[in-house]
Protein backbone atom coordinates (compact mmCIF):
# COMPACT_ATOMS: atom_id res chain seq x y z
CA MET A 1 -36.72 17.49 6.50
CA ALA A 2 -34.64 14.96 8.25
CA ALA A 3 -36.37 12.26 6.41
CA GLN A 4 -35.40 13.71 3.22
CA ARG A 5 -31.87 14.17 4.14
CA SER A 6 -31.44 10.71 4.98
CA GLN A 7 -33.09 9.38 1.68
CA THR A 8 -30.63 11.58 -0.39
CA THR A 9 -27.63 10.27 1.52
CA ASP A 10 -28.91 6.79 0.74
CA ASP A 11 -29.21 7.38 -2.71
CA ASP A 12 -26.05 8.77 -3.12
CA HIS A 13 -24.34 5.43 -1.95
CA ARG A 14 -26.22 3.29 -3.66
CA VAL A 15 -24.20 0.54 -5.52
CA VAL A 16 -25.50 -1.04 -8.91
CA PRO A 17 -24.58 -4.53 -9.11
CA PHE A 18 -23.37 -5.81 -12.62
CA ARG A 19 -23.81 -9.03 -13.84
CA PRO A 20 -20.98 -10.52 -16.08
CA ARG A 21 -22.32 -11.60 -19.99
CA SER A 22 -22.72 -15.04 -20.50
CA LEU A 23 -20.51 -16.78 -22.96
CA GLY A 24 -22.21 -17.71 -26.41
CA ALA A 25 -21.57 -20.67 -28.24
CA SER A 26 -19.56 -18.23 -30.70
CA ASP A 27 -17.41 -16.86 -27.87
CA ARG A 28 -16.67 -20.39 -26.39
CA ALA A 29 -15.35 -21.55 -29.64
CA SER A 30 -13.41 -18.23 -30.13
CA ARG A 31 -11.46 -19.01 -26.75
CA ARG A 32 -10.30 -22.34 -27.74
CA VAL A 33 -7.90 -21.03 -30.75
CA GLN A 34 -4.36 -22.62 -30.08
CA PRO A 35 -1.60 -20.33 -29.66
CA PRO A 36 0.85 -19.75 -32.51
CA ASP A 37 4.10 -21.90 -32.72
CA PRO A 38 6.73 -20.05 -31.01
CA ASN A 39 9.17 -20.78 -33.63
CA GLU A 40 7.03 -19.38 -36.07
CA ALA A 41 6.42 -16.31 -34.26
CA LEU A 42 10.22 -15.66 -34.12
CA SER A 43 10.65 -16.25 -37.75
CA LYS A 44 9.62 -12.87 -38.50
CA TYR A 45 12.82 -11.62 -36.76
CA GLU A 46 15.24 -13.55 -38.28
CA GLY A 47 18.18 -11.47 -40.44
CA GLY A 48 19.32 -12.41 -43.77
CA GLU A 49 19.73 -10.35 -46.90
CA GLU A 50 17.30 -7.70 -46.04
CA ARG A 51 18.94 -7.10 -42.73
CA GLU A 52 21.66 -5.66 -44.38
CA ASP A 53 19.41 -3.39 -46.28
CA THR A 54 17.69 -2.14 -43.15
CA TYR A 55 20.64 -1.53 -41.50
CA ARG A 56 22.19 0.71 -43.97
CA HIS A 57 18.53 2.43 -44.60
CA ARG A 58 18.69 3.07 -40.72
CA MET A 59 22.00 4.54 -40.80
CA ILE A 60 21.19 6.93 -43.63
CA VAL A 61 18.03 7.90 -41.66
CA ASN A 62 20.12 8.30 -38.52
CA LEU A 63 22.59 10.53 -40.51
CA ALA A 64 19.88 12.62 -42.02
CA ALA A 65 18.31 13.02 -38.44
CA LEU A 66 21.58 14.07 -36.97
CA ALA A 67 22.39 16.64 -39.74
CA PHE A 68 19.01 18.19 -39.33
CA THR A 69 19.25 18.45 -35.58
CA ILE A 70 22.57 20.24 -35.95
CA VAL A 71 21.22 22.71 -38.30
CA LEU A 72 18.41 23.41 -36.20
CA ALA A 73 20.75 23.90 -33.17
CA LEU A 74 22.93 26.19 -35.50
CA VAL A 75 19.61 28.26 -36.48
CA GLY A 76 18.44 28.46 -32.92
CA VAL A 77 22.03 29.93 -31.53
CA TRP A 78 21.99 32.44 -34.69
CA LEU A 79 18.42 33.51 -33.99
CA ALA A 80 19.00 33.87 -30.19
CA MET A 81 22.08 36.14 -31.11
CA GLN A 82 20.04 38.25 -33.46
CA ILE A 83 17.40 38.62 -31.20
CA ALA A 84 19.90 39.78 -28.46
CA ASN A 85 21.54 42.56 -30.64
CA MET A 86 17.95 43.81 -31.66
CA ARG A 87 17.10 44.05 -27.98
CA LYS A 88 20.25 45.89 -27.28
CA ASN A 89 19.93 48.40 -30.05
CA GLN A 90 16.35 48.95 -28.85
CA ASP A 91 17.58 49.88 -25.51
CA CYS A 92 20.02 52.19 -26.68
CA LEU A 93 17.48 53.87 -28.72
CA LEU A 94 14.92 53.89 -26.26
CA SER A 95 17.26 55.68 -23.61
CA GLY A 96 17.41 58.33 -25.85
CA ARG A 97 20.99 57.86 -27.31
CA ARG A 98 22.17 58.56 -30.67
CA ASN A 99 24.34 56.62 -33.38
CA CYS A 100 23.32 53.14 -31.48
CA ALA A 101 23.73 51.17 -34.82
CA PRO A 102 27.49 50.79 -35.65
CA ILE A 103 28.15 51.62 -39.39
CA ASP A 104 31.04 49.55 -40.78
CA VAL A 105 33.16 52.12 -43.29
CA PRO A 106 36.43 50.81 -44.27
CA ALA A 107 39.58 52.79 -43.54
CA PRO A 108 40.99 55.13 -46.62
CA GLU A 109 44.27 53.76 -47.78
CA ARG A 110 47.37 56.17 -47.88
């Protein structure tokens, strides 16, 4: 029994060594690629006539997102008020009272 326990603990702590792959000829050739010229890498970020168009487009999209956010907030407030009103009416009815829902009737003119 004791011999069996020592074998399982040895098997649980076994480390399997992994050897790194050797680099083939194609891997060595691909690693020798020259880095791009820093001036060419930055040229794609230069502004010009396109910059004004993208700025205008970005501002329009930002305004649309702001309008959507405002509408979403207003709908959320309206919905919260409606839920509170319904809860108030349900509490009134469940407590056994009558005339819980107000009825608006215009006053007669004299």
